[in-house]
Amino acid sequence: MTKTEDNHSLPTSVILNGQALTVLEVLAVARHYASVALGADSLKRILAARAVIDKLADEEKKVYGVTTGFGHLSRVRIPHDQLVDLQQNLLRSHAAGVGETLKYILLFLLADQ
């Protein structure tokens, strides 16, 4: 345990509410496996955003990254039956695209000092 980490001040659970996480919340999750839950207001905002995207997709509107490809493929329309795959592939590419900076942060958070 480091000077910045006191088990008595670490939360045992973290609610994601759309606001920035504190350092103690990140430490609690990364080092002490604090539970994480989605707050009710966050869920409402996610569902509202999803409804907008679903409506745009159903209307077959041209929306960058939703009904089209990304970057140089932004002019390519994605067939309606492939829109879910497009979004899943986007998440996969971002999850796999971790650079050096994040590695150092993870080492700091996960290191047993």
PDB file of N, CA and C in Angstrom:
ATOM      1  N   MET A   1       0.849  -1.178   0.000  1.00  0.00           N
ATOM      2  CA  MET A   1       0.000   0.000   0.000  1.00  0.00           C
ATOM      3  C   MET A   1       0.894   1.241   0.000  1.00  0.00           C
ATOM      4  N   THR A   2       0.500   2.240  -0.749  1.00  0.00           N
ATOM      5  CA  THR A   2       1.274   3.465  -0.856  1.00  0.00           C
ATOM      6  C   THR A   2       0.682   4.549   0.020  1.00  0.00           C
ATOM      7  N   LYS A   3       1.379   5.696   0.093  1.00  0.00           N
ATOM      8  CA  LYS A   3       0.890   6.830   0.878  1.00  0.00           C
ATOM      9  C   LYS A   3      -0.444   7.348   0.354  1.00  0.00           C
ATOM     10  N   THR A   4      -0.676   7.228  -0.953  1.00  0.00           N
ATOM     11  CA  THR A   4      -1.916   7.742  -1.533  1.00  0.00           C
ATOM     12  C   THR A   4      -3.081   6.783  -1.347  1.00  0.00           C
ATOM     13  N   GLU A   5      -2.804   5.639  -0.777  1.00  0.00           N
ATOM     14  CA  GLU A   5      -3.812   4.595  -0.679  1.00  0.00           C
ATOM     15  C   GLU A   5      -4.009   4.186   0.775  1.00  0.00           C
ATOM     16  N   ASP A   6      -5.172   4.419   1.310  1.00  0.00           N
ATOM     17  CA  ASP A   6      -5.532   4.036   2.669  1.00  0.00           C
ATOM     18  C   ASP A   6      -6.807   3.217   2.561  1.00  0.00           C
ATOM     19  N   ASN A   7      -6.725   1.949   2.943  1.00  0.00           N
ATOM     20  CA  ASN A   7      -7.881   1.061   2.781  1.00  0.00           C
ATOM     21  C   ASN A   7      -9.148   1.619   3.410  1.00  0.00           C
ATOM     22  N   HIS A   8      -9.009   2.416   4.451  1.00  0.00           N
ATOM     23  CA  HIS A   8     -10.195   2.947   5.117  1.00  0.00           C
ATOM     24  C   HIS A   8     -10.890   4.020   4.296  1.00  0.00           C
ATOM     25  N   SER A   9     -10.171   4.667   3.394  1.00  0.00           N
ATOM     26  CA  SER A   9     -10.785   5.720   2.592  1.00  0.00           C
ATOM     27  C   SER A   9     -11.162   5.255   1.186  1.00  0.00           C
ATOM     28  N   LEU A  10     -10.834   4.010   0.852  1.00  0.00           N
ATOM     29  CA  LEU A  10     -11.177   3.487  -0.457  1.00  0.00           C
ATOM     30  C   LEU A  10     -12.624   3.009  -0.477  1.00  0.00           C
ATOM     31  N   PRO A  11     -13.355   3.366  -1.523  1.00  0.00           N
ATOM     32  CA  PRO A  11     -14.735   2.881  -1.608  1.00  0.00           C
ATOM     33  C   PRO A  11     -14.760   1.386  -1.900  1.00  0.00           C
ATOM     34  N   THR A  12     -15.804   0.703  -1.444  1.00  0.00           N
ATOM     35  CA  THR A  12     -15.952  -0.713  -1.739  1.00  0.00           C
ATOM     36  C   THR A  12     -16.773  -0.923  -3.012  1.00  0.00           C
ATOM     37  N   SER A  13     -17.416   0.151  -3.472  1.00  0.00           N
ATOM     38  CA  SER A  13     -18.145   0.091  -4.736  1.00  0.00           C
ATOM     39  C   SER A  13     -18.054   1.450  -5.422  1.00  0.00           C
ATOM     40  N   VAL A  14     -18.164   1.417  -6.741  1.00  0.00           N
ATOM     41  CA  VAL A  14     -18.084   2.634  -7.543  1.00  0.00           C
ATOM     42  C   VAL A  14     -19.301   2.667  -8.464  1.00  0.00           C
ATOM     43  N   ILE A  15     -20.007   3.783  -8.457  1.00  0.00           N
ATOM     44  CA  ILE A  15     -21.160   3.966  -9.334  1.00  0.00           C
ATOM     45  C   ILE A  15     -20.729   4.864 -10.491  1.00  0.00           C
ATOM     46  N   LEU A  16     -20.895   4.372 -11.718  1.00  0.00           N
ATOM     47  CA  LEU A  16     -20.584   5.169 -12.896  1.00  0.00           C
ATOM     48  C   LEU A  16     -21.765   6.087 -13.178  1.00  0.00           C
ATOM     49  N   ASN A  17     -21.507   7.408 -13.087  1.00  0.00           N
ATOM     50  CA  ASN A  17     -22.593   8.375 -13.217  1.00  0.00           C
ATOM     51  C   ASN A  17     -22.338   9.437 -14.275  1.00  0.00           C
ATOM     52  N   GLY A  18     -21.323   9.221 -15.097  1.00  0.00           N
ATOM     53  CA  GLY A  18     -21.024  10.186 -16.143  1.00  0.00           C
ATOM     54  C   GLY A  18     -20.034  11.260 -15.717  1.00  0.00           C
ATOM     55  N   GLN A  19     -19.625  11.238 -14.470  1.00  0.00           N
ATOM     56  CA  GLN A  19     -18.636  12.188 -13.970  1.00  0.00           C
ATOM     57  C   GLN A  19     -17.275  11.498 -13.915  1.00  0.00           C
ATOM     58  N   ALA A  20     -16.235  12.298 -13.824  1.00  0.00           N
ATOM     59  CA  ALA A  20     -14.879  11.743 -13.752  1.00  0.00           C
ATOM     60  C   ALA A  20     -14.718  10.913 -12.484  1.00  0.00           C
ATOM     61  N   LEU A  21     -13.976   9.839 -12.595  1.00  0.00           N
ATOM     62  CA  LEU A  21     -13.671   9.021 -11.421  1.00  0.00           C
ATOM     63  C   LEU A  21     -12.538   9.670 -10.639  1.00  0.00           C
ATOM     64  N   THR A  22     -12.562   9.493  -9.328  1.00  0.00           N
ATOM     65  CA  THR A  22     -11.470   9.985  -8.502  1.00  0.00           C
ATOM     66  C   THR A  22     -10.328   8.968  -8.543  1.00  0.00           C
ATOM     67  N   VAL A  23      -9.161   9.395  -8.129  1.00  0.00           N
ATOM     68  CA  VAL A  23      -8.014   8.487  -8.061  1.00  0.00           C
ATOM     69  C   VAL A  23      -8.313   7.343  -7.096  1.00  0.00           C
ATOM     70  N   LEU A  24      -8.951   7.649  -5.986  1.00  0.00           N
ATOM     71  CA  LEU A  24      -9.270   6.595  -5.020  1.00  0.00           C
ATOM     72  C   LEU A  24     -10.254   5.582  -5.579  1.00  0.00           C
ATOM     73  N   GLU A  25     -11.202   6.038  -6.389  1.00  0.00           N
ATOM     74  CA  GLU A  25     -12.145   5.101  -7.016  1.00  0.00           C
ATOM     75  C   GLU A  25     -11.416   4.180  -7.994  1.00  0.00           C
ATOM     76  N   VAL A  26     -10.511   4.736  -8.777  1.00  0.00           N
ATOM     77  CA  VAL A  26      -9.742   3.924  -9.732  1.00  0.00           C
ATOM     78  C   VAL A  26      -8.872   2.919  -8.981  1.00  0.00           C
ATOM     79  N   LEU A  27      -8.215   3.352  -7.942  1.00  0.00           N
ATOM     80  CA  LEU A  27      -7.385   2.447  -7.137  1.00  0.00           C
ATOM     81  C   LEU A  27      -8.228   1.348  -6.502  1.00  0.00           C
ATOM     82  N   ALA A  28      -9.393   1.700  -6.001  1.00  0.00           N
ATOM     83  CA  ALA A  28     -10.265   0.716  -5.356  1.00  0.00           C
ATOM     84  C   ALA A  28     -10.660  -0.386  -6.339  1.00  0.00           C
ATOM     85  N   VAL A  29     -10.948  -0.006  -7.567  1.00  0.00           N
ATOM     86  CA  VAL A  29     -11.336  -0.997  -8.571  1.00  0.00           C
ATOM     87  C   VAL A  29     -10.112  -1.782  -9.045  1.00  0.00           C
ATOM     88  N   ALA A  30      -9.022  -1.083  -9.377  1.00  0.00           N
ATOM     89  CA  ALA A  30      -7.850  -1.727  -9.957  1.00  0.00           C
ATOM     90  C   ALA A  30      -7.110  -2.624  -8.973  1.00  0.00           C
ATOM     91  N   ARG A  31      -7.016  -2.210  -7.721  1.00  0.00           N
ATOM     92  CA  ARG A  31      -6.209  -2.963  -6.756  1.00  0.00           C
ATOM     93  C   ARG A  31      -7.020  -3.776  -5.759  1.00  0.00           C
ATOM     94  N   HIS A  32      -8.236  -3.336  -5.488  1.00  0.00           N
ATOM     95  CA  HIS A  32      -9.003  -3.982  -4.410  1.00  0.00           C
ATOM     96  C   HIS A  32     -10.329  -4.550  -4.891  1.00  0.00           C
ATOM     97  N   TYR A  33     -10.504  -4.590  -6.207  1.00  0.00           N
ATOM     98  CA  TYR A  33     -11.664  -5.226  -6.824  1.00  0.00           C
ATOM     99  C   TYR A  33     -12.998  -4.690  -6.307  1.00  0.00           C
ATOM    100  N   ALA A  34     -13.062  -3.381  -6.100  1.00  0.00           N
ATOM    101  CA  ALA A  34     -14.335  -2.765  -5.722  1.00  0.00           C
ATOM    102  C   ALA A  34     -15.351  -3.049  -6.825  1.00  0.00           C
ATOM    103  N   SER A  35     -16.588  -3.249  -6.433  1.00  0.00           N
ATOM    104  CA  SER A  35     -17.621  -3.511  -7.431  1.00  0.00           C
ATOM    105  C   SER A  35     -17.924  -2.229  -8.204  1.00  0.00           C
ATOM    106  N   VAL A  36     -18.366  -2.394  -9.435  1.00  0.00           N
ATOM    107  CA  VAL A  36     -18.684  -1.261 -10.302  1.00  0.00           C
ATOM    108  C   VAL A  36     -20.098  -1.456 -10.812  1.00  0.00           C
ATOM    109  N   ALA A  37     -20.897  -0.381 -10.727  1.00  0.00           N
ATOM    110  CA  ALA A  37     -22.280  -0.439 -11.215  1.00  0.00           C
ATOM    111  C   ALA A  37     -22.581   0.814 -12.025  1.00  0.00           C
ATOM    112  N   LEU A  38     -23.532   0.684 -12.892  1.00  0.00           N
ATOM    113  CA  LEU A  38     -23.978   1.794 -13.718  1.00  0.00           C
ATOM    114  C   LEU A  38     -25.095   2.517 -12.981  1.00  0.00           C
ATOM    115  N   GLY A  39     -24.954   3.834 -12.799  1.00  0.00           N
ATOM    116  CA  GLY A  39     -25.972   4.617 -12.117  1.00  0.00           C
ATOM    117  C   GLY A  39     -27.248   4.729 -12.941  1.00  0.00           C
ATOM    118  N   ALA A  40     -28.366   4.953 -12.275  1.00  0.00           N
ATOM    119  CA  ALA A  40     -29.667   5.020 -12.950  1.00  0.00           C
ATOM    120  C   ALA A  40     -29.709   6.137 -13.991  1.00  0.00           C
ATOM    121  N   ASP A  41     -29.169   7.315 -13.663  1.00  0.00           N
ATOM    122  CA  ASP A  41     -29.167   8.418 -14.626  1.00  0.00           C
ATOM    123  C   ASP A  41     -28.309   8.098 -15.844  1.00  0.00           C
ATOM    124  N   SER A  42     -27.203   7.415 -15.622  1.00  0.00           N
ATOM    125  CA  SER A  42     -26.341   7.021 -16.740  1.00  0.00           C
ATOM    126  C   SER A  42     -27.083   6.050 -17.653  1.00  0.00           C
ATOM    127  N   LEU A  43     -27.774   5.108 -17.067  1.00  0.00           N
ATOM    128  CA  LEU A  43     -28.519   4.145 -17.861  1.00  0.00           C
ATOM    129  C   LEU A  43     -29.604   4.850 -18.687  1.00  0.00           C
ATOM    130  N   LYS A  44     -30.275   5.813 -18.099  1.00  0.00           N
ATOM    131  CA  LYS A  44     -31.297   6.576 -18.843  1.00  0.00           C
ATOM    132  C   LYS A  44     -30.673   7.304 -20.025  1.00  0.00           C
ATOM    133  N   ARG A  45     -29.507   7.929 -19.812  1.00  0.00           N
ATOM    134  CA  ARG A  45     -28.844   8.646 -20.906  1.00  0.00           C
ATOM    135  C   ARG A  45     -28.372   7.689 -21.999  1.00  0.00           C
ATOM    136  N   ILE A  46     -27.874   6.527 -21.606  1.00  0.00           N
ATOM    137  CA  ILE A  46     -27.437   5.526 -22.581  1.00  0.00           C
ATOM    138  C   ILE A  46     -28.621   5.053 -23.418  1.00  0.00           C
ATOM    139  N   LEU A  47     -29.733   4.765 -22.768  1.00  0.00           N
ATOM    140  CA  LEU A  47     -30.916   4.292 -23.493  1.00  0.00           C
ATOM    141  C   LEU A  47     -31.466   5.370 -24.417  1.00  0.00           C
ATOM    142  N   ALA A  48     -31.430   6.631 -23.989  1.00  0.00           N
ATOM    143  CA  ALA A  48     -31.896   7.728 -24.841  1.00  0.00           C
ATOM    144  C   ALA A  48     -30.995   7.874 -26.064  1.00  0.00           C
ATOM    145  N   ALA A  49     -29.683   7.787 -25.858  1.00  0.00           N
ATOM    146  CA  ALA A  49     -28.746   7.876 -26.983  1.00  0.00           C
ATOM    147  C   ALA A  49     -28.940   6.700 -27.929  1.00  0.00           C
ATOM    148  N   ARG A  50     -29.155   5.534 -27.381  1.00  0.00           N
ATOM    149  CA  ARG A  50     -29.386   4.335 -28.203  1.00  0.00           C
ATOM    150  C   ARG A  50     -30.640   4.504 -29.054  1.00  0.00           C
ATOM    151  N   ALA A  51     -31.693   5.096 -28.487  1.00  0.00           N
ATOM    152  CA  ALA A  51     -32.930   5.308 -29.243  1.00  0.00           C
ATOM    153  C   ALA A  51     -32.694   6.230 -30.433  1.00  0.00           C
ATOM    154  N   VAL A  52     -31.880   7.265 -30.243  1.00  0.00           N
ATOM    155  CA  VAL A  52     -31.562   8.184 -31.345  1.00  0.00           C
ATOM    156  C   VAL A  52     -30.816   7.439 -32.445  1.00  0.00           C
ATOM    157  N   ILE A  53     -29.820   6.658 -32.066  1.00  0.00           N
ATOM    158  CA  ILE A  53     -29.026   5.913 -33.047  1.00  0.00           C
ATOM    159  C   ILE A  53     -29.893   4.884 -33.775  1.00  0.00           C
ATOM    160  N   ASP A  54     -30.730   4.170 -33.033  1.00  0.00           N
ATOM    161  CA  ASP A  54     -31.616   3.189 -33.665  1.00  0.00           C
ATOM    162  C   ASP A  54     -32.544   3.850 -34.672  1.00  0.00           C
ATOM    163  N   LYS A  55     -33.064   5.023 -34.326  1.00  0.00           N
ATOM    164  CA  LYS A  55     -33.971   5.749 -35.225  1.00  0.00           C
ATOM    165  C   LYS A  55     -33.240   6.163 -36.502  1.00  0.00           C
ATOM    166  N   LEU A  56     -32.044   6.701 -36.353  1.00  0.00           N
ATOM    167  CA  LEU A  56     -31.261   7.101 -37.517  1.00  0.00           C
ATOM    168  C   LEU A  56     -30.935   5.904 -38.414  1.00  0.00           C
ATOM    169  N   ALA A  57     -30.573   4.795 -37.791  1.00  0.00           N
ATOM    170  CA  ALA A  57     -30.244   3.594 -38.559  1.00  0.00           C
ATOM    171  C   ALA A  57     -31.476   3.048 -39.269  1.00  0.00           C
ATOM    172  N   ASP A  58     -32.623   3.041 -38.579  1.00  0.00           N
ATOM    173  CA  ASP A  58     -33.858   2.544 -39.184  1.00  0.00           C
ATOM    174  C   ASP A  58     -34.313   3.415 -40.353  1.00  0.00           C
ATOM    175  N   GLU A  59     -34.029   4.717 -40.255  1.00  0.00           N
ATOM    176  CA  GLU A  59     -34.398   5.641 -41.332  1.00  0.00           C
ATOM    177  C   GLU A  59     -33.373   5.625 -42.458  1.00  0.00           C
ATOM    178  N   GLU A  60     -32.312   4.825 -42.273  1.00  0.00           N
ATOM    179  CA  GLU A  60     -31.229   4.702 -43.247  1.00  0.00           C
ATOM    180  C   GLU A  60     -30.590   6.047 -43.575  1.00  0.00           C
ATOM    181  N   LYS A  61     -30.481   6.900 -42.545  1.00  0.00           N
ATOM    182  CA  LYS A  61     -29.784   8.182 -42.711  1.00  0.00           C
ATOM    183  C   LYS A  61     -28.287   7.917 -42.760  1.00  0.00           C
ATOM    184  N   LYS A  62     -27.570   8.800 -43.449  1.00  0.00           N
ATOM    185  CA  LYS A  62     -26.114   8.690 -43.528  1.00  0.00           C
ATOM    186  C   LYS A  62     -25.531   9.358 -42.280  1.00  0.00           C
ATOM    187  N   VAL A  63     -24.986   8.552 -41.393  1.00  0.00           N
ATOM    188  CA  VAL A  63     -24.399   9.040 -40.141  1.00  0.00           C
ATOM    189  C   VAL A  63     -23.013   8.421 -40.001  1.00  0.00           C
ATOM    190  N   TYR A  64     -22.008   9.285 -39.950  1.00  0.00           N
ATOM    191  CA  TYR A  64     -20.616   8.834 -39.870  1.00  0.00           C
ATOM    192  C   TYR A  64     -20.429   7.834 -38.730  1.00  0.00           C
ATOM    193  N   GLY A  65     -19.865   6.681 -39.040  1.00  0.00           N
ATOM    194  CA  GLY A  65     -19.538   5.687 -38.027  1.00  0.00           C
ATOM    195  C   GLY A  65     -20.725   4.906 -37.503  1.00  0.00           C
ATOM    196  N   VAL A  66     -21.918   5.268 -37.938  1.00  0.00           N
ATOM    197  CA  VAL A  66     -23.117   4.537 -37.524  1.00  0.00           C
ATOM    198  C   VAL A  66     -23.652   3.758 -38.723  1.00  0.00           C
ATOM    199  N   THR A  67     -23.840   4.456 -39.826  1.00  0.00           N
ATOM    200  CA  THR A  67     -24.303   3.810 -41.060  1.00  0.00           C
ATOM    201  C   THR A  67     -23.244   3.876 -42.155  1.00  0.00           C
ATOM    202  N   THR A  68     -22.086   4.460 -41.836  1.00  0.00           N
ATOM    203  CA  THR A  68     -20.968   4.500 -42.781  1.00  0.00           C
ATOM    204  C   THR A  68     -19.735   3.937 -42.096  1.00  0.00           C
ATOM    205  N   GLY A  69     -18.716   3.703 -42.909  1.00  0.00           N
ATOM    206  CA  GLY A  69     -17.434   3.299 -42.352  1.00  0.00           C
ATOM    207  C   GLY A  69     -16.751   4.474 -41.666  1.00  0.00           C
ATOM    208  N   PHE A  70     -15.497   4.285 -41.278  1.00  0.00           N
ATOM    209  CA  PHE A  70     -14.720   5.297 -40.580  1.00  0.00           C
ATOM    210  C   PHE A  70     -13.557   5.752 -41.452  1.00  0.00           C
ATOM    211  N   GLY A  71     -13.078   6.978 -41.202  1.00  0.00           N
ATOM    212  CA  GLY A  71     -11.900   7.474 -41.909  1.00  0.00           C
ATOM    213  C   GLY A  71     -12.094   7.480 -43.408  1.00  0.00           C
ATOM    214  N   HIS A  72     -11.144   6.892 -44.132  1.00  0.00           N
ATOM    215  CA  HIS A  72     -11.242   6.908 -45.595  1.00  0.00           C
ATOM    216  C   HIS A  72     -12.404   6.061 -46.108  1.00  0.00           C
ATOM    217  N   LEU A  73     -13.038   5.284 -45.241  1.00  0.00           N
ATOM    218  CA  LEU A  73     -14.221   4.502 -45.626  1.00  0.00           C
ATOM    219  C   LEU A  73     -15.530   5.203 -45.230  1.00  0.00           C
ATOM    220  N   SER A  74     -15.418   6.478 -44.891  1.00  0.00           N
ATOM    221  CA  SER A  74     -16.613   7.205 -44.436  1.00  0.00           C
ATOM    222  C   SER A  74     -17.665   7.381 -45.523  1.00  0.00           C
ATOM    223  N   ARG A  75     -17.273   7.206 -46.764  1.00  0.00           N
ATOM    224  CA  ARG A  75     -18.257   7.321 -47.860  1.00  0.00           C
ATOM    225  C   ARG A  75     -18.888   5.977 -48.215  1.00  0.00           C
ATOM    226  N   VAL A  76     -18.476   4.939 -47.517  1.00  0.00           N
ATOM    227  CA  VAL A  76     -19.017   3.605 -47.765  1.00  0.00           C
ATOM    228  C   VAL A  76     -20.210   3.379 -46.841  1.00  0.00           C
ATOM    229  N   ARG A  77     -21.366   3.131 -47.435  1.00  0.00           N
ATOM    230  CA  ARG A  77     -22.572   2.835 -46.656  1.00  0.00           C
ATOM    231  C   ARG A  77     -22.515   1.392 -46.176  1.00  0.00           C
ATOM    232  N   ILE A  78     -22.859   1.203 -44.935  1.00  0.00           N
ATOM    233  CA  ILE A  78     -22.858  -0.131 -44.341  1.00  0.00           C
ATOM    234  C   ILE A  78     -24.282  -0.679 -44.420  1.00  0.00           C
ATOM    235  N   PRO A  79     -24.455  -1.886 -44.953  1.00  0.00           N
ATOM    236  CA  PRO A  79     -25.801  -2.471 -45.010  1.00  0.00           C
ATOM    237  C   PRO A  79     -26.410  -2.601 -43.612  1.00  0.00           C
ATOM    238  N   HIS A  80     -27.711  -2.412 -43.526  1.00  0.00           N
ATOM    239  CA  HIS A  80     -28.413  -2.408 -42.241  1.00  0.00           C
ATOM    240  C   HIS A  80     -28.129  -3.667 -41.427  1.00  0.00           C
ATOM    241  N   ASP A  81     -28.034  -4.804 -42.091  1.00  0.00           N
ATOM    242  CA  ASP A  81     -27.810  -6.058 -41.371  1.00  0.00           C
ATOM    243  C   ASP A  81     -26.373  -6.210 -40.864  1.00  0.00           C
ATOM    244  N   GLN A  82     -25.489  -5.246 -41.180  1.00  0.00           N
ATOM    245  CA  GLN A  82     -24.101  -5.303 -40.718  1.00  0.00           C
ATOM    246  C   GLN A  82     -23.765  -4.189 -39.716  1.00  0.00           C
ATOM    247  N   LEU A  83     -24.758  -3.396 -39.324  1.00  0.00           N
ATOM    248  CA  LEU A  83     -24.491  -2.267 -38.427  1.00  0.00           C
ATOM    249  C   LEU A  83     -24.029  -2.710 -37.046  1.00  0.00           C
ATOM    250  N   VAL A  84     -24.591  -3.777 -36.533  1.00  0.00           N
ATOM    251  CA  VAL A  84     -24.154  -4.281 -35.221  1.00  0.00           C
ATOM    252  C   VAL A  84     -22.704  -4.743 -35.302  1.00  0.00           C
ATOM    253  N   ASP A  85     -22.364  -5.444 -36.377  1.00  0.00           N
ATOM    254  CA  ASP A  85     -20.974  -5.890 -36.554  1.00  0.00           C
ATOM    255  C   ASP A  85     -20.019  -4.700 -36.625  1.00  0.00           C
ATOM    256  N   LEU A  86     -20.439  -3.637 -37.298  1.00  0.00           N
ATOM    257  CA  LEU A  86     -19.602  -2.432 -37.402  1.00  0.00           C
ATOM    258  C   LEU A  86     -19.263  -1.897 -36.016  1.00  0.00           C
ATOM    259  N   GLN A  87     -20.267  -1.779 -35.154  1.00  0.00           N
ATOM    260  CA  GLN A  87     -20.040  -1.241 -33.815  1.00  0.00           C
ATOM    261  C   GLN A  87     -19.213  -2.194 -32.956  1.00  0.00           C
ATOM    262  N   GLN A  88     -19.465  -3.490 -33.073  1.00  0.00           N
ATOM    263  CA  GLN A  88     -18.657  -4.456 -32.316  1.00  0.00           C
ATOM    264  C   GLN A  88     -17.204  -4.414 -32.759  1.00  0.00           C
ATOM    265  N   ASN A  89     -16.982  -4.290 -34.053  1.00  0.00           N
ATOM    266  CA  ASN A  89     -15.604  -4.206 -34.550  1.00  0.00           C
ATOM    267  C   ASN A  89     -14.926  -2.917 -34.104  1.00  0.00           C
ATOM    268  N   LEU A  90     -15.682  -1.837 -34.014  1.00  0.00           N
ATOM    269  CA  LEU A  90     -15.129  -0.580 -33.509  1.00  0.00           C
ATOM    270  C   LEU A  90     -14.654  -0.759 -32.061  1.00  0.00           C
ATOM    271  N   LEU A  91     -15.478  -1.377 -31.229  1.00  0.00           N
ATOM    272  CA  LEU A  91     -15.084  -1.620 -29.837  1.00  0.00           C
ATOM    273  C   LEU A  91     -13.859  -2.525 -29.762  1.00  0.00           C
ATOM    274  N   ARG A  92     -13.839  -3.550 -30.579  1.00  0.00           N
ATOM    275  CA  ARG A  92     -12.676  -4.449 -30.584  1.00  0.00           C
ATOM    276  C   ARG A  92     -11.402  -3.712 -30.980  1.00  0.00           C
ATOM    277  N   SER A  93     -11.500  -2.868 -31.995  1.00  0.00           N
ATOM    278  CA  SER A  93     -10.297  -2.163 -32.448  1.00  0.00           C
ATOM    279  C   SER A  93      -9.798  -1.192 -31.394  1.00  0.00           C
ATOM    280  N   HIS A  94     -10.721  -0.540 -30.691  1.00  0.00           N
ATOM    281  CA  HIS A  94     -10.302   0.390 -29.636  1.00  0.00           C
ATOM    282  C   HIS A  94      -9.749  -0.364 -28.423  1.00  0.00           C
ATOM    283  N   ALA A  95     -10.323  -1.506 -28.113  1.00  0.00           N
ATOM    284  CA  ALA A  95      -9.846  -2.289 -26.974  1.00  0.00           C
ATOM    285  C   ALA A  95      -8.451  -2.841 -27.240  1.00  0.00           C
ATOM    286  N   ALA A  96      -8.143  -3.132 -28.496  1.00  0.00           N
ATOM    287  CA  ALA A  96      -6.846  -3.697 -28.845  1.00  0.00           C
ATOM    288  C   ALA A  96      -5.812  -2.621 -29.157  1.00  0.00           C
ATOM    289  N   GLY A  97      -6.225  -1.381 -29.279  1.00  0.00           N
ATOM    290  CA  GLY A  97      -5.324  -0.314 -29.684  1.00  0.00           C
ATOM    291  C   GLY A  97      -4.678   0.414 -28.525  1.00  0.00           C
ATOM    292  N   VAL A  98      -4.199  -0.314 -27.523  1.00  0.00           N
ATOM    293  CA  VAL A  98      -3.599   0.290 -26.338  1.00  0.00           C
ATOM    294  C   VAL A  98      -2.147   0.636 -26.624  1.00  0.00           C
ATOM    295  N   GLY A  99      -1.756   1.857 -26.304  1.00  0.00           N
ATOM    296  CA  GLY A  99      -0.386   2.297 -26.536  1.00  0.00           C
ATOM    297  C   GLY A  99       0.437   2.307 -25.270  1.00  0.00           C
ATOM    298  N   GLU A 100       1.639   2.808 -25.371  1.00  0.00           N
ATOM    299  CA  GLU A 100       2.595   2.793 -24.265  1.00  0.00           C
ATOM    300  C   GLU A 100       2.102   3.565 -23.036  1.00  0.00           C
ATOM    301  N   THR A 101       1.450   4.715 -23.241  1.00  0.00           N
ATOM    302  CA  THR A 101       1.030   5.529 -22.103  1.00  0.00           C
ATOM    303  C   THR A 101       0.126   4.745 -21.161  1.00  0.00           C
ATOM    304  N   LEU A 102      -0.832   4.027 -21.711  1.00  0.00           N
ATOM    305  CA  LEU A 102      -1.744   3.258 -20.878  1.00  0.00           C
ATOM    306  C   LEU A 102      -1.022   2.150 -20.132  1.00  0.00           C
ATOM    307  N   LYS A 103      -0.029   1.558 -20.764  1.00  0.00           N
ATOM    308  CA  LYS A 103       0.717   0.505 -20.082  1.00  0.00           C
ATOM    309  C   LYS A 103       1.366   1.044 -18.807  1.00  0.00           C
ATOM    310  N   TYR A 104       1.944   2.244 -18.867  1.00  0.00           N
ATOM    311  CA  TYR A 104       2.569   2.820 -17.676  1.00  0.00           C
ATOM    312  C   TYR A 104       1.535   3.110 -16.602  1.00  0.00           C
ATOM    313  N   ILE A 105       0.378   3.586 -16.998  1.00  0.00           N
ATOM    314  CA  ILE A 105      -0.681   3.850 -16.025  1.00  0.00           C
ATOM    315  C   ILE A 105      -1.118   2.552 -15.368  1.00  0.00           C
ATOM    316  N   LEU A 106      -1.310   1.518 -16.163  1.00  0.00           N
ATOM    317  CA  LEU A 106      -1.717   0.228 -15.605  1.00  0.00           C
ATOM    318  C   LEU A 106      -0.654  -0.332 -14.658  1.00  0.00           C
ATOM    319  N   LEU A 107       0.608  -0.186 -15.013  1.00  0.00           N
ATOM    320  CA  LEU A 107       1.658  -0.643 -14.116  1.00  0.00           C
ATOM    321  C   LEU A 107       1.589   0.076 -12.777  1.00  0.00           C
ATOM    322  N   PHE A 108       1.347   1.391 -12.817  1.00  0.00           N
ATOM    323  CA  PHE A 108       1.225   2.171 -11.589  1.00  0.00           C
ATOM    324  C   PHE A 108       0.046   1.695 -10.760  1.00  0.00           C
ATOM    325  N   LEU A 109      -1.099   1.490 -11.429  1.00  0.00           N
ATOM    326  CA  LEU A 109      -2.305   1.097 -10.700  1.00  0.00           C
ATOM    327  C   LEU A 109      -2.240  -0.308 -10.147  1.00  0.00           C
ATOM    328  N   LEU A 110      -1.615  -1.206 -10.886  1.00  0.00           N
ATOM    329  CA  LEU A 110      -1.636  -2.606 -10.508  1.00  0.00           C
ATOM    330  C   LEU A 110      -0.409  -3.049  -9.716  1.00  0.00           C
ATOM    331  N   ALA A 111       0.614  -2.193  -9.700  1.00  0.00           N
ATOM    332  CA  ALA A 111       1.852  -2.558  -8.997  1.00  0.00           C
ATOM    333  C   ALA A 111       1.602  -2.690  -7.500  1.00  0.00           C
ATOM    334  N   ASP A 112       2.215  -3.659  -6.911  1.00  0.00           N
ATOM    335  CA  ASP A 112       2.115  -3.860  -5.471  1.00  0.00           C
ATOM    336  C   ASP A 112       3.313  -3.162  -4.835  1.00  0.00           C
ATOM    337  N   GLN A 113       3.087  -1.919  -4.409  1.00  0.00           N
ATOM    338  CA  GLN A 113       4.196  -1.116  -3.894  1.00  0.00           C
ATOM    339  C   GLN A 113       4.301  -1.202  -2.388  1.00  0.00           C
TER     340      GLN A 113
END
